[in-house]
Every structure is written in C-alpha cells, then in structure tokens.
Amino acid sequence: MAQQIIGIGASANDGTGDPLRTAFDKVNDNDTELYNVSGWGYYQDNAASTITVNTTPVKITFNKLGANNNKSYLPKEIRGVSDLINATSFITPIDLGDSYDLRLDFTINAKTGSPTLLDLVLDIGGGASPTINIVNRTISLVRTPPYTISVGFPIFCLGTFLTNGGQFFVNTDTGTVDVTARSLFIKRDFKGDL
C-alpha cells in the first residue's frame, strides 16, 4: 500500500481538508501497514542432525525439527501463510528492498586433521555451490570441541536475492569438522516499499 496522505487544506479551517473520519481512516491504514512489517522466525535442527564439513563448500541445512522452532512471530503479512525459510533451507525474503537481521548458531562437535579456519558464506546464486556471496565470515577453529559458534549480520534484499533466495555454505581450510545443533534466527526489520 502506498502511504496515504491526510489532506489538511490550503489554510487552517478553510474546509478543504479531509473530513475527520477520512483522516483517521488513513491514519489507521498507515499504522496497519507499519504494524504488519516486522517479525521474526526461529528455525532449529533436531540434535541428532550432523553435517561433516571439509575443504569443499557444504550447504548448511535446517530440518526445522528442533524443539524450539518458533514461527508465531513472523511478519503478520506472511504469518500462517508463508515462511522466511523454505523446505530446502533457502532463506526466502518477502519483498524487494526488505532489510533483515540474521543469526546463525551451530556447534562444532568434533574435528579431525587440525582445521584452523571455517569459511561461512551466505550465497544468493541459487545453485548447489556458492556463486554470488553477499556475506563472508572467517571463523577460528582453535578451540577444543564441543563449542557453539554464533554469527550475526544485517542483510538487504534486491532482485537476485528475491528471485533465488539465500543459502549458507561452509568449508574448512584443512581437515574436517562435524557441525550439529544448527539454528537460524531471521528478523525482518524493514519493508522495501515503505
């Protein structure tokens, strides 16, 4: 919906502005539009799901079978109808120009071959391997497993992201790591056409 402007007339009390009922109808419509924009979803894997990561990029998936999944606070315009992540673990933005905050949490459960770094990318290419990376984070793996890693960042949605969605890939510098307890928090902050 485009913003509805309240007609205030050419000068005070000249009788050319919007009638009171019309003005407050516009206020309500504008407020409803803003009220429906924000919201969040939390997607968690069940504890038994493990991904082994090596030097070749591997997609991070979310089976959404964890006990703490929560879709009760999605943006009102999609709540009960759609989601912010689909069945194949693609982030699915709502509108062109949207702004989101993401937080990816996962546990490094085991490692072999002395890996020291984990590369994490958010890719919007839509393929089976990363081609259009919009976020890249390098994570240290020097600690002794198990331990949890949290990575958060803001993103915005333009045409390619809207068309293809986004997916996470990870790879090590050497050796392997087992990644468990994956979860993703997605919060829509801003609607592009507001």
Protein backbone atom coordinates (compact mmCIF):
# COMPACT_ATOMS: atom_id res chain seq x y z
CA MET A 1 0.00 0.00 0.00
CA ALA A 2 1.25 3.47 -0.79
CA GLN A 3 1.34 5.96 2.07
CA GLN A 4 -1.98 7.75 2.47
CA ILE A 5 -1.53 11.48 2.99
CA ILE A 6 -4.12 13.35 5.06
CA GLY A 7 -5.44 16.38 3.25
CA ILE A 8 -5.03 19.38 5.56
CA GLY A 9 -6.48 22.06 3.27
CA ALA A 10 -4.84 25.18 1.89
CA SER A 11 -5.02 27.02 5.23
CA ALA A 12 -6.28 26.41 8.75
CA ASN A 13 -10.05 25.80 8.98
CA ASP A 14 -10.71 26.55 5.29
CA GLY A 15 -12.92 23.45 4.95
CA THR A 16 -10.90 21.92 2.09
CA GLY A 17 -9.05 19.26 4.13
CA ASP A 18 -10.11 15.67 4.70
CA PRO A 19 -13.12 15.16 6.99
CA LEU A 20 -12.15 13.77 10.42
CA ARG A 21 -13.40 10.23 9.67
CA THR A 22 -11.48 10.09 6.36
CA ALA A 23 -8.31 11.42 8.01
CA PHE A 24 -8.38 8.83 10.80
CA ASP A 25 -9.16 6.05 8.29
CA LYS A 26 -5.90 6.99 6.54
CA VAL A 27 -4.07 7.03 9.90
CA ASN A 28 -5.36 3.53 10.68
CA ASP A 29 -4.37 2.21 7.24
CA ASN A 30 -0.86 3.68 7.55
CA ASP A 31 -0.46 2.25 11.08
CA THR A 32 -1.65 -1.20 9.97
CA GLU A 33 0.89 -1.20 7.14
CA LEU A 34 3.73 -0.41 9.59
CA TYR A 35 2.44 -2.85 12.21
CA ASN A 36 2.47 -5.79 9.76
CA VAL A 37 6.08 -5.30 8.61
CA SER A 38 8.32 -6.52 11.42
CA GLY A 39 8.54 -10.02 12.75
CA TRP A 40 10.86 -12.96 13.19
CA GLY A 41 11.18 -16.71 12.85
CA TYR A 42 13.48 -19.15 14.64
CA TYR A 43 14.41 -22.41 12.92
CA GLN A 44 16.25 -25.17 14.77
CA ASP A 45 17.51 -28.61 13.78
CA ASN A 46 16.95 -31.64 15.93
CA ALA A 47 20.02 -32.58 17.97
CA ALA A 48 20.82 -35.76 16.00
CA SER A 49 21.40 -33.98 12.68
CA THR A 50 25.13 -33.73 11.82
CA ILE A 51 26.87 -32.22 8.79
CA THR A 52 30.52 -33.11 8.16
CA VAL A 53 32.37 -30.15 6.64
CA ASN A 54 35.65 -30.37 4.72
CA THR A 55 37.55 -28.10 2.31
CA THR A 56 34.74 -28.20 -0.29
CA PRO A 57 31.80 -25.87 0.47
CA VAL A 58 28.91 -27.76 2.10
CA LYS A 59 25.38 -26.35 2.41
CA ILE A 60 24.12 -25.72 5.93
CA THR A 61 20.62 -27.17 6.18
CA PHE A 62 17.86 -26.76 8.74
CA ASN A 63 15.38 -29.61 9.13
CA LYS A 64 13.28 -27.45 11.49
CA LEU A 65 12.59 -30.44 13.77
CA GLY A 66 14.11 -28.85 16.88
CA ALA A 67 12.02 -28.36 19.99
CA ASN A 68 12.44 -24.56 19.97
CA ASN A 69 11.24 -23.71 16.44
CA ASN A 70 9.07 -20.63 16.55
CA LYS A 71 7.02 -19.14 13.71
CA SER A 72 4.44 -17.44 15.96
CA TYR A 73 6.03 -14.00 15.48
CA LEU A 74 6.59 -13.94 11.71
CA PRO A 75 5.63 -10.69 9.99
CA LYS A 76 1.83 -10.53 10.02
CA GLU A 77 1.58 -10.34 6.23
CA ILE A 78 3.01 -13.90 5.90
CA ARG A 79 2.14 -15.43 9.29
CA GLY A 80 0.29 -18.72 8.81
CA VAL A 81 0.67 -18.48 5.01
CA SER A 82 4.38 -18.50 4.25
CA ASP A 83 7.77 -18.64 5.96
CA LEU A 84 11.20 -16.95 5.95
CA ILE A 85 12.98 -20.24 5.10
CA ASN A 86 11.73 -22.98 2.81
CA ALA A 87 11.89 -26.79 2.94
CA THR A 88 15.26 -26.86 1.16
CA SER A 89 16.89 -24.40 3.62
CA PHE A 90 16.73 -21.33 1.36
CA ILE A 91 16.08 -18.01 3.09
CA THR A 92 13.01 -16.59 1.34
CA PRO A 93 12.76 -12.80 1.62
CA ILE A 94 9.30 -11.26 1.29
CA ASP A 95 9.77 -8.12 -0.80
CA LEU A 96 12.32 -6.24 -2.86
CA GLY A 97 14.18 -3.73 -0.67
CA ASP A 98 13.50 -5.57 2.60
CA SER A 99 16.06 -5.45 5.39
CA TYR A 100 16.74 -8.42 7.69
CA ASP A 101 18.90 -9.39 10.65
CA LEU A 102 20.22 -12.96 10.68
CA ARG A 103 21.89 -15.00 13.40
CA LEU A 104 23.26 -18.45 12.63
CA ASP A 105 24.18 -20.67 15.59
CA PHE A 106 25.82 -24.08 15.38
CA THR A 107 28.02 -26.39 17.42
CA ILE A 108 31.42 -27.67 16.36
CA ASN A 109 31.06 -31.16 17.79
CA ALA A 110 34.31 -32.76 16.55
CA LYS A 111 37.25 -32.03 14.28
CA THR A 112 39.96 -34.05 12.56
CA GLY A 113 43.04 -33.12 10.56
CA SER A 114 43.77 -29.89 12.51
CA PRO A 115 41.45 -27.37 10.79
CA THR A 116 42.09 -23.81 11.99
CA LEU A 117 39.52 -21.81 9.98
CA LEU A 118 35.95 -22.21 8.84
CA ASP A 119 34.69 -20.09 5.92
CA LEU A 120 30.99 -19.21 6.09
CA VAL A 121 29.20 -17.59 3.16
CA LEU A 122 25.63 -16.50 2.51
CA ASP A 123 25.10 -17.14 -1.19
CA ILE A 124 22.24 -15.85 -3.38
CA GLY A 125 23.24 -17.64 -6.60
CA GLY A 126 20.62 -20.35 -6.10
CA GLY A 127 22.85 -23.26 -7.13
CA ALA A 128 24.34 -26.34 -5.49
CA SER A 129 27.57 -24.45 -4.74
CA PRO A 130 28.25 -20.80 -3.87
CA THR A 131 28.45 -18.37 -6.80
CA ILE A 132 27.13 -15.00 -5.55
CA ASN A 133 28.34 -14.46 -1.99
CA ILE A 134 26.83 -11.48 -0.21
CA VAL A 135 28.28 -12.26 3.23
CA ASN A 136 31.58 -13.96 4.03
CA ARG A 137 32.84 -14.67 7.55
CA THR A 138 36.02 -16.47 8.58
CA ILE A 139 35.68 -18.28 11.91
CA SER A 140 38.55 -19.53 14.06
CA LEU A 141 38.53 -23.24 14.94
CA VAL A 142 41.36 -23.27 17.50
CA ARG A 143 39.18 -24.24 20.48
CA THR A 144 38.62 -27.82 21.59
CA PRO A 145 35.16 -29.21 20.66
CA PRO A 146 32.39 -29.14 21.51
CA TYR A 147 31.64 -25.42 21.41
CA THR A 148 29.00 -23.16 19.91
CA ILE A 149 29.54 -20.51 17.27
CA SER A 150 27.15 -17.59 16.69
CA VAL A 151 27.40 -15.37 13.63
CA GLY A 152 25.03 -12.44 13.14
CA PHE A 153 24.72 -9.79 10.46
CA PRO A 154 22.24 -7.50 8.68
CA ILE A 155 21.31 -8.06 5.03
CA PHE A 156 19.08 -6.40 2.47
CA CYS A 157 17.12 -7.87 -0.42
CA LEU A 158 17.46 -6.85 -4.04
CA GLY A 159 16.30 -8.68 -7.20
CA THR A 160 18.68 -11.66 -7.24
CA PHE A 161 18.12 -12.42 -3.56
CA LEU A 162 14.34 -12.15 -4.00
CA THR A 163 14.41 -14.48 -7.04
CA ASN A 164 16.90 -17.10 -5.78
CA GLY A 165 16.70 -16.90 -2.01
CA GLY A 166 19.80 -17.28 0.14
CA GLN A 167 21.66 -20.30 1.47
CA PHE A 168 24.62 -20.84 3.78
CA PHE A 169 27.75 -22.74 2.79
CA VAL A 170 30.76 -23.61 4.97
CA ASN A 171 34.17 -25.15 4.36
CA THR A 172 37.36 -25.67 6.34
CA ASP A 173 40.92 -24.67 5.44
CA THR A 174 42.04 -28.28 6.06
CA GLY A 175 40.67 -31.40 7.72
CA THR A 176 37.04 -31.80 8.75
CA VAL A 177 34.60 -30.62 11.41
CA ASP A 178 31.22 -32.02 12.47
CA VAL A 179 28.55 -29.34 12.70
CA THR A 180 25.50 -30.03 14.86
CA ALA A 181 22.73 -28.12 16.69
CA ARG A 182 22.13 -25.69 13.84
CA SER A 183 19.63 -22.88 14.26
CA LEU A 184 18.76 -19.73 12.35
CA PHE A 185 17.07 -16.57 13.61
CA ILE A 186 15.64 -14.31 10.89
CA LYS A 187 14.11 -10.92 11.72
CA ARG A 188 12.53 -8.63 9.16
CA ASP A 189 13.32 -5.05 10.14
CA PHE A 190 12.10 -3.00 7.23
CA LYS A 191 9.81 -3.39 4.24
CA GLY A 192 11.29 -2.16 0.99
CA ASP A 193 8.35 -0.17 -0.29
CA LEU A 194 7.70 1.84 2.88
